[in-house]
């Protein structure tokens, strides 16, 4: 969009590089003015109630609208596009898939998954012992796990069934990281049986683990919680990254970490690891390097205090994805280089240049390469405009649970103007069952296919059966453009199966 002819007040000009969109669907351009007495004021080109205009220094000037000062008209401004996300699947491909598998279903992009895993490994190739332990909780599907195993990934498990699935998918020994909290004995027992690296969440778990499996493994890890508030990168809108580890139930204090290492060493542990998770879904290339410096310094201190041989450091997850189309994406190459610099500045001088780096990037690896495909089934016109779809929060919980944003594409209408404001809703008996609220979209007709973006992680896996809703199918779009079913949709028989312990309550007959 050429802004050179815009009628900026006082003949101000935009500063080079001021092109970041701050608010979806409403703010098309945002920049800082320079020149004249108003240098440094914010100017935005906005769309409010389907009217384009200028907001300058918090004053609205709508072009051609009654009641506002007259301004030169902006020709063809309404033809400009709002930020969009492009689906990894075409309408024609979806039409072919829906002929076999009815909506709703989750769809995954094999090509995108493999390419992203390779980018991750390339970013950390400087560390010979590096391994990604994919967080199974993000996308617990055997076909997805097998793809990631082929790309060199291990798995991070947090439950009995995740351990069982990983075992069935061929993961063995140190390819499995087991990180749980409030952990049942049977889960520790299976993790030990599989040879998994156990990551202890609490100092009391040391004796609990010993009593459960009879000994302490030679290779063990402890989760660290530094407490307090973690902040990083102050921006114009506030902190880029902020979280509150002190309120989290996970991990040990710094003092407990030293005590735990000493106790584990007494009980026979020989190889030690450190794990920490400080913030979720960060959109900053500086998060991982900052976390790495914290853990690297702690590792040096622990070596000096306890004499323990620390062989790996797990940076866990937290590297996010841009759910909104105007948000910047993390650059994993830049992140990897930042961690390398921290490694060479902190660990290498301490004689710890053999430490392996681990990650657990479920969201970063998978979220952009999955989508929820649903069909518009109803429309409702009352105090607001509603579009009802055949998916609901049982298929994708994040918008209902967190108010999370997921971009929506109306397939076949990618180039149509977003000039209709809708709430896109499911059929649950809960008012928070909404995929979008006051979302500007093209006009939607019943039967239209909608793609809800970035559901490849923490999408299907967070589903549930409220209202007796059945979980959807999962489909893989293969590298060659073909597709295959990788999880069938639930049936009423599946839903009632747990009543089959008694003829009195059996629904299968």
Protein backbone atom coordinates (compact mmCIF):
# COMPACT_ATOMS: atom_id res chain seq x y z
CA UNK A 1 0.00 0.00 0.00
CA UNK A 2 1.44 3.35 -1.08
CA UNK A 3 0.95 5.87 1.70
CA UNK A 4 2.79 8.72 0.09
CA UNK A 5 -0.41 10.49 -0.94
CA UNK A 6 -2.33 10.06 2.29
CA UNK A 7 -3.62 13.37 3.69
CA UNK A 8 -1.63 13.22 6.95
CA UNK A 9 -2.39 16.18 9.22
CA UNK A 10 0.18 18.96 9.16
CA UNK A 11 1.84 17.38 6.14
CA UNK A 12 3.56 14.79 8.30
CA UNK A 13 5.32 11.92 6.59
CA UNK A 14 5.64 8.35 7.75
CA UNK A 15 8.93 7.14 9.15
CA UNK A 16 10.64 4.39 7.16
CA UNK A 17 9.77 0.95 8.38
CA UNK A 18 6.58 1.89 10.21
CA UNK A 19 4.39 -0.73 8.59
CA UNK A 20 3.50 -3.06 11.46
CA UNK A 21 -0.19 -3.80 11.86
CA UNK A 22 -1.11 -3.70 15.54
CA UNK A 23 -4.74 -4.79 15.64
CA UNK A 24 -6.30 -7.44 13.37
CA UNK A 25 -9.15 -6.60 11.03
CA UNK A 26 -9.37 -2.98 12.11
CA UNK A 27 -5.94 -1.34 11.87
CA UNK A 28 -4.41 -1.68 8.41
CA UNK A 29 -1.37 0.54 8.88
CA UNK A 30 0.27 1.89 11.99
CA UNK A 31 3.22 4.23 12.03
CA UNK A 32 4.96 7.08 13.83
CA UNK A 33 4.88 10.49 12.20
CA UNK A 34 7.88 12.76 11.91
CA UNK A 35 8.37 16.32 10.79
CA UNK A 36 6.70 19.43 12.17
CA UNK A 37 5.57 20.02 15.74
CA UNK A 38 3.77 16.67 16.02
CA UNK A 39 6.82 14.48 15.56
CA UNK A 40 6.38 11.11 17.22
CA UNK A 41 2.60 10.97 17.18
CA UNK A 42 0.90 7.75 16.08
CA UNK A 43 -1.03 7.57 12.85
CA UNK A 44 -3.22 4.63 11.88
CA UNK A 45 -5.27 3.74 8.85
CA UNK A 46 -8.29 2.01 10.29
CA UNK A 47 -11.41 0.12 9.32
CA UNK A 48 -14.23 0.68 11.80
CA UNK A 49 -17.79 -0.36 11.04
CA UNK A 50 -16.72 -1.01 7.45
CA UNK A 51 -15.56 2.58 6.98
CA UNK A 52 -11.96 3.36 6.12
CA UNK A 53 -10.38 6.34 7.79
CA UNK A 54 -7.42 7.89 9.56
CA UNK A 55 -6.80 7.96 13.29
CA UNK A 56 -4.21 10.59 14.13
CA UNK A 57 -3.08 11.20 17.68
CA UNK A 58 -6.18 9.32 18.93
CA UNK A 59 -8.55 11.46 16.81
CA UNK A 60 -10.66 9.73 14.16
CA UNK A 61 -11.07 11.24 10.69
CA UNK A 62 -13.37 9.08 8.60
CA UNK A 63 -13.17 9.83 4.94
CA UNK A 64 -16.43 11.01 3.46
CA UNK A 65 -18.39 10.23 6.66
CA UNK A 66 -20.86 12.78 7.97
CA UNK A 67 -19.88 14.66 11.09
CA UNK A 68 -16.14 14.52 10.52
CA UNK A 69 -13.83 17.13 9.03
CA UNK A 70 -13.60 17.03 5.27
CA UNK A 71 -10.51 15.33 3.94
CA UNK A 72 -9.21 14.45 0.53
CA UNK A 73 -10.63 11.10 -0.44
CA UNK A 74 -8.34 8.09 -0.58
CA UNK A 75 -8.98 6.52 -3.95
CA UNK A 76 -9.31 2.76 -4.05
CA UNK A 77 -8.26 2.43 -0.40
CA UNK A 78 -11.03 -0.07 0.29
CA UNK A 79 -9.51 -2.42 -2.25
CA UNK A 80 -6.49 -2.93 -0.02
CA UNK A 81 -6.31 -6.27 1.78
CA UNK A 82 -6.31 -6.87 5.50
CA UNK A 83 -3.58 -9.20 6.78
CA UNK A 84 -4.33 -12.81 5.92
CA UNK A 85 -2.96 -16.29 6.40
CA UNK A 86 -2.74 -18.61 3.42
CA UNK A 87 -3.96 -22.16 4.05
CA UNK A 88 -1.60 -24.99 3.16
CA UNK A 89 -4.50 -26.74 1.42
CA UNK A 90 -6.57 -25.67 -1.61
CA UNK A 91 -10.33 -25.62 -1.97
CA UNK A 92 -10.11 -28.36 -4.58
CA UNK A 93 -8.11 -30.59 -2.22
CA UNK A 94 -10.60 -29.99 0.58
CA UNK A 95 -13.52 -30.81 -1.67
CA UNK A 96 -11.85 -34.12 -2.52
CA UNK A 97 -11.17 -34.88 1.15
CA UNK A 98 -14.72 -34.05 2.25
CA UNK A 99 -16.11 -36.47 -0.28
CA UNK A 100 -14.55 -39.23 1.86
CA UNK A 101 -14.40 -37.71 5.31
CA UNK A 102 -17.15 -35.38 6.48
CA UNK A 103 -16.38 -32.20 8.39
CA UNK A 104 -15.25 -31.37 10.94
CA UNK A 105 -11.74 -32.83 10.91
CA UNK A 106 -8.20 -31.78 11.72
CA UNK A 107 -5.84 -31.71 8.75
CA UNK A 108 -2.03 -31.84 8.96
CA UNK A 109 0.60 -30.84 6.39
CA UNK A 110 3.35 -33.48 6.19
CA UNK A 111 5.58 -31.35 3.96
CA UNK A 112 5.44 -28.38 6.33
CA UNK A 113 6.10 -30.55 9.40
CA UNK A 114 9.19 -32.16 7.88
CA UNK A 115 10.61 -28.88 6.60
CA UNK A 116 10.14 -27.20 9.97
CA UNK A 117 11.81 -30.07 11.84
CA UNK A 118 14.78 -29.79 9.49
CA UNK A 119 15.02 -26.03 10.08
CA UNK A 120 15.06 -26.69 13.82
CA UNK A 121 17.85 -29.25 13.62
CA UNK A 122 19.86 -26.98 11.33
CA UNK A 123 19.54 -24.13 13.85
CA UNK A 124 21.09 -26.27 16.60
CA UNK A 125 23.53 -28.25 14.45
CA UNK A 126 26.42 -26.52 16.24
CA UNK A 127 25.65 -28.70 19.30
CA UNK A 128 26.64 -32.33 18.57
CA UNK A 129 24.33 -33.79 21.23
CA UNK A 130 21.26 -31.74 20.34
CA UNK A 131 17.87 -33.44 20.28
CA UNK A 132 14.29 -32.23 20.01
CA UNK A 133 11.92 -34.09 22.32
CA UNK A 134 8.56 -33.39 20.74
CA UNK A 135 5.87 -32.76 23.34
CA UNK A 136 3.43 -35.62 22.70
CA UNK A 137 0.70 -33.74 24.57
CA UNK A 138 0.61 -31.23 21.71
CA UNK A 139 -0.39 -33.72 18.99
CA UNK A 140 -0.72 -37.31 20.23
CA UNK A 141 -1.08 -39.14 16.93
CA UNK A 142 1.14 -42.11 16.01
CA UNK A 143 1.44 -41.07 12.35
CA UNK A 144 2.68 -37.62 13.37
CA UNK A 145 5.11 -39.12 15.89
CA UNK A 146 6.52 -41.46 13.26
CA UNK A 147 7.13 -38.56 10.87
CA UNK A 148 9.01 -36.69 13.60
CA UNK A 149 11.02 -39.79 14.53
CA UNK A 150 12.12 -40.05 10.90
CA UNK A 151 13.34 -36.45 11.20
CA UNK A 152 15.47 -37.28 14.25
CA UNK A 153 13.15 -36.19 17.05
CA UNK A 154 12.61 -37.86 20.38
CA UNK A 155 9.46 -37.47 22.48
CA UNK A 156 8.57 -35.71 25.70
CA UNK A 157 5.90 -37.68 27.58
CA UNK A 158 3.85 -36.65 30.60
CA UNK A 159 1.46 -39.56 31.17
CA UNK A 160 1.10 -43.33 31.02
CA UNK A 161 -0.70 -43.34 27.67
CA UNK A 162 1.84 -40.99 26.08
CA UNK A 163 4.59 -43.38 27.16
CA UNK A 164 2.64 -46.33 25.75
CA UNK A 165 2.04 -44.56 22.43
CA UNK A 166 5.69 -43.56 22.12
CA UNK A 167 6.79 -47.12 22.80
CA UNK A 168 4.44 -48.45 20.12
CA UNK A 169 5.86 -45.88 17.69
CA UNK A 170 9.37 -47.23 18.16
CA UNK A 171 10.92 -44.69 20.53
CA UNK A 172 13.44 -46.28 22.88
CA UNK A 173 15.60 -45.39 25.87
CA UNK A 174 17.09 -41.92 25.76
CA UNK A 175 14.79 -41.00 22.85
CA UNK A 176 12.10 -40.57 25.53
CA UNK A 177 12.00 -37.79 28.09
CA UNK A 178 9.43 -38.26 30.85
CA UNK A 179 8.37 -35.00 32.53
CA UNK A 180 5.36 -35.13 34.79
CA UNK A 181 4.06 -33.58 38.00
CA UNK A 182 2.09 -35.13 40.85
CA UNK A 183 3.21 -38.35 39.15
CA UNK A 184 1.55 -41.72 39.87
CA UNK A 185 3.85 -44.62 40.70
CA UNK A 186 2.78 -46.64 37.66
CA UNK A 187 3.97 -43.87 35.34
CA UNK A 188 7.42 -43.75 36.93
CA UNK A 189 7.54 -47.54 36.67
CA UNK A 190 6.77 -47.60 32.95
CA UNK A 191 9.16 -44.73 32.22
CA UNK A 192 11.92 -46.67 33.97
CA UNK A 193 11.01 -49.87 32.13
CA UNK A 194 11.30 -48.07 28.79
CA UNK A 195 14.66 -46.56 29.72
CA UNK A 196 13.30 -43.01 29.50
CA UNK A 197 15.15 -40.07 31.00
CA UNK A 198 13.06 -39.08 34.01
CA UNK A 199 12.74 -35.37 34.74
CA UNK A 200 11.79 -34.92 38.43
CA UNK A 201 9.39 -32.09 39.21
CA UNK A 202 9.83 -32.03 42.99
CA UNK A 203 12.50 -32.89 45.54
CA UNK A 204 10.12 -35.30 47.33
CA UNK A 205 9.90 -37.35 44.13
CA UNK A 206 13.46 -38.59 44.65
CA UNK A 207 12.56 -41.01 47.42
CA UNK A 208 9.18 -41.72 45.82
CA UNK A 209 10.93 -42.78 42.61
CA UNK A 210 13.48 -44.87 44.54
CA UNK A 211 10.73 -46.63 46.46
CA UNK A 212 8.75 -47.22 43.25
CA UNK A 213 11.44 -48.69 40.99
CA UNK A 214 13.97 -49.79 43.62
CA UNK A 215 16.81 -47.47 42.64
CA UNK A 216 17.72 -44.15 41.06
CA UNK A 217 18.59 -44.24 37.32
CA UNK A 218 22.14 -43.42 36.28
CA UNK A 219 20.79 -40.60 34.08
CA UNK A 220 18.33 -38.20 35.73
CA UNK A 221 17.02 -34.64 35.36
CA UNK A 222 15.46 -32.05 37.67
CA UNK A 223 13.05 -29.26 36.82
CA UNK A 224 13.99 -25.78 38.01
CA UNK A 225 11.57 -22.97 38.92
CA UNK A 226 13.37 -19.64 39.55
CA UNK A 227 10.24 -18.07 41.07
CA UNK A 228 9.26 -14.43 40.78
CA UNK A 229 8.23 -12.82 37.49
CA UNK A 230 10.05 -13.38 34.23
CA UNK A 231 10.08 -10.43 31.84
CA UNK A 232 11.87 -9.85 28.58
CA UNK A 233 11.93 -7.18 25.91
CA UNK A 234 9.96 -4.06 26.72
CA UNK A 235 8.11 -2.71 23.69
CA UNK A 236 5.75 0.16 23.00
CA UNK A 237 2.79 -2.07 23.95
CA UNK A 238 4.48 -3.45 27.07
CA UNK A 239 6.55 -6.56 27.68
CA UNK A 240 7.06 -8.87 24.74
CA UNK A 241 7.39 -11.78 27.10
CA UNK A 242 6.03 -11.95 30.60
CA UNK A 243 5.11 -14.83 32.82
CA UNK A 244 4.99 -15.61 36.50
CA UNK A 245 7.01 -18.74 37.39
CA UNK A 246 6.44 -17.99 41.07
CA UNK A 247 2.75 -18.85 40.68
CA UNK A 248 3.42 -22.06 38.73
CA UNK A 249 3.12 -25.44 40.40
CA UNK A 250 6.11 -26.83 38.54
CA UNK A 251 9.74 -27.32 39.47
CA UNK A 252 12.14 -26.91 42.39
CA UNK A 253 13.56 -23.82 44.04
CA UNK A 254 17.19 -22.99 43.53
CA UNK A 255 18.10 -24.26 47.01
CA UNK A 256 16.14 -27.49 46.44
CA UNK A 257 17.97 -28.03 43.16
CA UNK A 258 21.32 -28.21 44.97
CA UNK A 259 19.89 -30.52 47.62
CA UNK A 260 18.32 -32.74 44.94
CA UNK A 261 21.56 -33.11 42.99
CA UNK A 262 23.50 -34.06 46.13
CA UNK A 263 20.85 -36.60 47.17
CA UNK A 264 20.62 -38.12 43.68
CA UNK A 265 24.41 -38.43 43.52
CA UNK A 266 24.41 -40.24 46.86
CA UNK A 267 21.81 -42.66 45.46
CA UNK A 268 23.89 -43.52 42.40
CA UNK A 269 23.02 -40.98 39.68
CA UNK A 270 25.94 -40.22 37.35
CA UNK A 271 24.55 -38.03 34.55
CA UNK A 272 22.49 -34.98 35.41
CA UNK A 273 20.22 -32.67 33.47
CA UNK A 274 18.37 -29.41 34.14
CA UNK A 275 14.98 -28.44 32.74
CA UNK A 276 12.99 -25.19 32.97
CA UNK A 277 9.96 -23.58 31.36
CA UNK A 278 9.46 -19.88 32.07
CA UNK A 279 7.03 -18.51 29.47
CA UNK A 280 4.51 -19.81 26.94
CA UNK A 281 4.12 -19.01 23.23
CA UNK A 282 6.74 -16.28 23.13
CA UNK A 283 7.15 -14.23 19.97
CA UNK A 284 10.66 -13.09 20.63
CA UNK A 285 13.91 -14.44 19.25
CA UNK A 286 15.48 -13.46 22.57
CA UNK A 287 13.47 -15.79 24.83
CA UNK A 288 15.42 -19.00 24.32
CA UNK A 289 18.84 -17.30 24.57
CA UNK A 290 17.74 -15.55 27.79
CA UNK A 291 16.44 -18.81 29.25
CA UNK A 292 19.63 -20.57 28.15
CA UNK A 293 21.81 -18.05 30.01
CA UNK A 294 19.78 -18.59 33.19
CA UNK A 295 20.10 -22.37 32.99
CA UNK A 296 23.73 -22.32 31.89
CA UNK A 297 24.73 -20.19 34.90
CA UNK A 298 22.77 -22.45 37.24
CA UNK A 299 24.51 -25.47 35.71
CA UNK A 300 27.94 -23.96 36.35
CA UNK A 301 26.97 -23.20 39.95
CA UNK A 302 25.60 -26.72 40.51
CA UNK A 303 28.76 -28.29 39.16
CA UNK A 304 30.82 -26.21 41.57
CA UNK A 305 28.50 -26.86 44.53
CA UNK A 306 27.89 -30.59 44.06
CA UNK A 307 30.53 -31.95 41.72
CA UNK A 308 27.79 -33.53 39.62
CA UNK A 309 28.45 -34.20 35.94
CA UNK A 310 25.80 -32.21 34.05
CA UNK A 311 25.49 -33.74 30.60
CA UNK A 312 22.36 -32.08 29.20
CA UNK A 313 20.24 -28.95 29.59
CA UNK A 314 16.62 -28.96 28.44
CA UNK A 315 15.29 -25.58 27.30
CA UNK A 316 11.80 -27.12 27.08
CA UNK A 317 9.15 -25.25 25.09
CA UNK A 318 7.87 -21.69 24.96
CA UNK A 319 8.95 -20.67 21.44
CA UNK A 320 5.65 -19.53 19.98
CA UNK A 321 3.90 -19.10 16.67
CA UNK A 322 2.09 -16.05 15.22
CA UNK A 323 -1.59 -16.93 15.58
CA UNK A 324 -2.51 -13.49 14.23
CA UNK A 325 -1.48 -12.78 10.64
CA UNK A 326 0.13 -9.45 11.50
CA UNK A 327 2.39 -10.91 14.20
CA UNK A 328 6.05 -11.55 13.42
CA UNK A 329 7.22 -15.14 13.26
CA UNK A 330 10.16 -16.38 15.31
CA UNK A 331 13.34 -17.05 13.34
CA UNK A 332 14.65 -20.37 14.62
CA UNK A 333 18.05 -19.78 13.00
CA UNK A 334 18.46 -16.54 14.97
CA UNK A 335 17.26 -18.30 18.13
CA UNK A 336 19.73 -21.13 17.68
CA UNK A 337 22.59 -18.68 17.13
CA UNK A 338 21.60 -16.78 20.30
CA UNK A 339 21.72 -19.98 22.33
CA UNK A 340 25.11 -20.82 20.78
CA UNK A 341 26.56 -17.49 21.88
CA UNK A 342 25.27 -17.99 25.42
CA UNK A 343 26.71 -21.51 25.42
CA UNK A 344 30.17 -20.32 24.40
CA UNK A 345 30.13 -17.39 26.83
CA UNK A 346 28.95 -19.31 29.91
CA UNK A 347 29.47 -23.07 29.60
CA UNK A 348 32.65 -23.37 27.53
CA UNK A 349 34.84 -21.25 29.87
CA UNK A 350 33.59 -23.39 32.78
CA UNK A 351 34.85 -26.55 31.09
CA UNK A 352 31.32 -27.66 30.20
CA UNK A 353 31.57 -27.60 26.42
CA UNK A 354 30.30 -31.18 26.18
CA UNK A 355 26.77 -30.39 27.46
CA UNK A 356 23.99 -31.46 25.08
CA UNK A 357 21.08 -29.10 24.41
CA UNK A 358 17.51 -30.40 24.38
CA UNK A 359 14.24 -28.74 23.36
CA UNK A 360 10.53 -29.62 23.62
CA UNK A 361 8.87 -27.54 20.93
CA UNK A 362 5.42 -29.00 20.40
CA UNK A 363 3.70 -25.75 19.40
CA UNK A 364 6.53 -24.39 17.26
CA UNK A 365 6.93 -27.65 15.36
CA UNK A 366 3.28 -28.46 14.69
CA UNK A 367 0.82 -25.60 15.24
CA UNK A 368 1.10 -23.87 11.82
CA UNK A 369 0.93 -27.21 10.01
CA UNK A 370 -2.50 -28.22 11.22
CA UNK A 371 -5.94 -26.72 10.72
CA UNK A 372 -9.52 -27.47 11.69
CA UNK A 373 -11.76 -27.82 8.66
CA UNK A 374 -15.42 -27.09 9.29
CA UNK A 375 -18.53 -26.22 7.30
CA UNK A 376 -21.00 -23.38 7.79
CA UNK A 377 -24.35 -24.94 8.67
CA UNK A 378 -26.52 -22.10 10.00
CA UNK A 379 -26.81 -18.35 10.20
CA UNK A 380 -28.55 -16.29 12.83
CA UNK A 381 -29.53 -12.63 12.80
CA UNK A 382 -30.40 -11.12 16.17
CA UNK A 383 -28.41 -8.52 18.09
CA UNK A 384 -25.33 -9.77 16.32
CA UNK A 385 -24.64 -11.75 13.18
CA UNK A 386 -23.78 -15.40 13.83
CA UNK A 387 -22.43 -18.15 11.62
CA UNK A 388 -22.92 -21.65 13.02
CA UNK A 389 -20.42 -24.33 11.98
CA UNK A 390 -20.35 -28.09 12.47
CA UNK A 391 -17.24 -27.90 14.68
CA UNK A 392 -17.38 -26.75 18.29
CA UNK A 393 -15.15 -26.24 21.32
CA UNK A 394 -15.01 -30.02 21.69
CA UNK A 395 -12.86 -29.97 18.52
CA UNK A 396 -10.82 -26.87 19.41
CA UNK A 397 -10.93 -25.66 23.00
CA UNK A 398 -8.41 -22.80 22.96
CA UNK A 399 -10.76 -19.97 21.87
CA UNK A 400 -13.36 -20.95 24.49
CA UNK A 401 -10.85 -21.67 27.24
CA UNK A 402 -8.38 -18.81 26.75
CA UNK A 403 -10.12 -16.40 24.41
CA UNK A 404 -7.34 -17.38 21.99
CA UNK A 405 -7.29 -16.00 18.46
CA UNK A 406 -7.26 -18.42 15.52
CA UNK A 407 -7.34 -16.98 12.03
CA UNK A 408 -10.18 -18.11 9.75
CA UNK A 409 -10.16 -18.46 5.99
CA UNK A 410 -13.39 -18.88 4.05
CA UNK A 411 -12.26 -21.20 1.27
CA UNK A 412 -12.93 -19.94 -2.23
CA UNK A 413 -13.35 -16.39 -0.92
CA UNK A 414 -9.74 -15.62 -0.11
CA UNK A 415 -9.82 -12.53 -2.36
CA UNK A 416 -13.25 -11.31 -1.31
CA UNK A 417 -13.47 -8.21 0.92
CA UNK A 418 -13.78 -8.82 4.66
CA UNK A 419 -16.84 -6.63 4.97
CA UNK A 420 -19.11 -8.74 7.23
CA UNK A 421 -18.78 -8.91 11.01
CA UNK A 422 -19.58 -12.31 12.52
CA UNK A 423 -19.38 -14.40 15.61
CA UNK A 424 -18.41 -17.87 14.38
CA UNK A 425 -19.91 -20.36 16.81
CA UNK A 426 -20.36 -24.04 17.56
CA UNK A 427 -23.36 -25.90 18.95
CA UNK A 428 -22.36 -26.51 22.57
CA UNK A 429 -24.68 -25.32 25.32
CA UNK A 430 -22.07 -22.80 26.45
CA UNK A 431 -21.85 -19.18 25.32
CA UNK A 432 -18.07 -19.33 25.11
CA UNK A 433 -18.31 -21.88 22.29
CA UNK A 434 -17.06 -19.33 19.76
CA UNK A 435 -14.18 -19.58 17.30
CA UNK A 436 -14.32 -15.87 16.55
CA UNK A 437 -16.04 -12.83 18.03
CA UNK A 438 -16.78 -9.72 15.98
CA UNK A 439 -14.53 -11.06 13.24
CA UNK A 440 -14.46 -9.27 9.87
CA UNK A 441 -14.83 -11.96 7.19
CA UNK A 442 -16.19 -12.29 3.65
CA UNK A 443 -19.89 -12.97 3.41
CA UNK A 444 -20.48 -16.60 4.42
CA UNK A 445 -23.21 -18.85 3.04
CA UNK A 446 -24.34 -22.14 4.40
CA UNK A 447 -22.19 -24.90 2.95
CA UNK A 448 -19.01 -22.81 2.80
CA UNK A 449 -15.86 -24.56 3.99
CA UNK A 450 -13.91 -22.69 6.68
CA UNK A 451 -10.29 -23.34 7.63
CA UNK A 452 -9.39 -22.46 11.21
CA UNK A 453 -5.63 -22.00 11.24
CA UNK A 454 -2.81 -23.09 13.55
CA UNK A 455 -4.50 -26.05 15.25
CA UNK A 456 -1.65 -28.51 14.67
CA UNK A 457 -0.66 -28.37 18.35
CA UNK A 458 -2.99 -28.28 21.35
CA UNK A 459 -5.92 -28.58 18.97
CA UNK A 460 -7.36 -32.07 18.71
CA UNK A 461 -5.46 -33.10 21.85
CA UNK A 462 -7.44 -30.75 24.11
CA UNK A 463 -10.79 -32.03 22.83
CA UNK A 464 -13.46 -33.43 25.11
CA UNK A 465 -16.94 -34.94 25.04
CA UNK A 466 -19.11 -32.28 26.65
CA UNK A 467 -22.73 -32.42 25.45
CA UNK A 468 -21.89 -35.90 24.22
CA UNK A 469 -20.02 -34.42 21.27
CA UNK A 470 -17.79 -36.87 19.46
CA UNK A 471 -14.15 -36.20 18.60
CA UNK A 472 -13.39 -35.57 14.97
CA UNK A 473 -11.19 -37.41 12.51
CA UNK A 474 -7.59 -36.47 11.76
CA UNK A 475 -6.33 -36.45 8.18
CA UNK A 476 -2.78 -36.15 6.83
CA UNK A 477 -2.10 -34.20 3.65
CA UNK A 478 0.91 -36.05 2.30
CA UNK A 479 3.92 -34.56 0.56
CA UNK A 480 2.69 -35.72 -2.85
CA UNK A 481 -0.69 -33.99 -2.41
CA UNK A 482 -2.62 -37.14 -1.60
CA UNK A 483 -4.28 -37.61 1.76
CA UNK A 484 -4.96 -40.38 4.24
CA UNK A 485 -6.96 -40.87 7.42
CA UNK A 486 -4.72 -41.02 10.50
CA UNK A 487 -7.47 -41.14 13.12
CA UNK A 488 -11.10 -42.02 12.48
CA UNK A 489 -13.89 -39.95 13.92
CA UNK A 490 -15.48 -41.18 17.12
CA UNK A 491 -18.83 -42.93 16.92
CA UNK A 492 -21.64 -43.19 19.47
CA UNK A 493 -20.37 -46.73 20.14
CA UNK A 494 -17.02 -45.25 21.23
CA UNK A 495 -18.78 -42.79 23.51
CA UNK A 496 -20.84 -45.50 25.21
CA UNK A 497 -18.04 -48.08 25.34
CA UNK A 498 -17.14 -47.38 28.96
CA UNK A 499 -20.63 -48.45 30.03
CA UNK A 500 -20.11 -51.94 28.61
CA UNK A 501 -18.88 -53.35 31.95
CA UNK A 502 -22.47 -54.29 32.75
CA UNK A 503 -25.35 -55.62 30.68
CA UNK A 504 -27.62 -53.33 32.65
CA UNK A 505 -25.92 -50.19 31.27
CA UNK A 506 -24.61 -51.48 27.94
CA UNK A 507 -25.56 -49.40 24.91
CA UNK A 508 -23.78 -51.58 22.37
CA UNK A 509 -26.51 -54.16 22.10
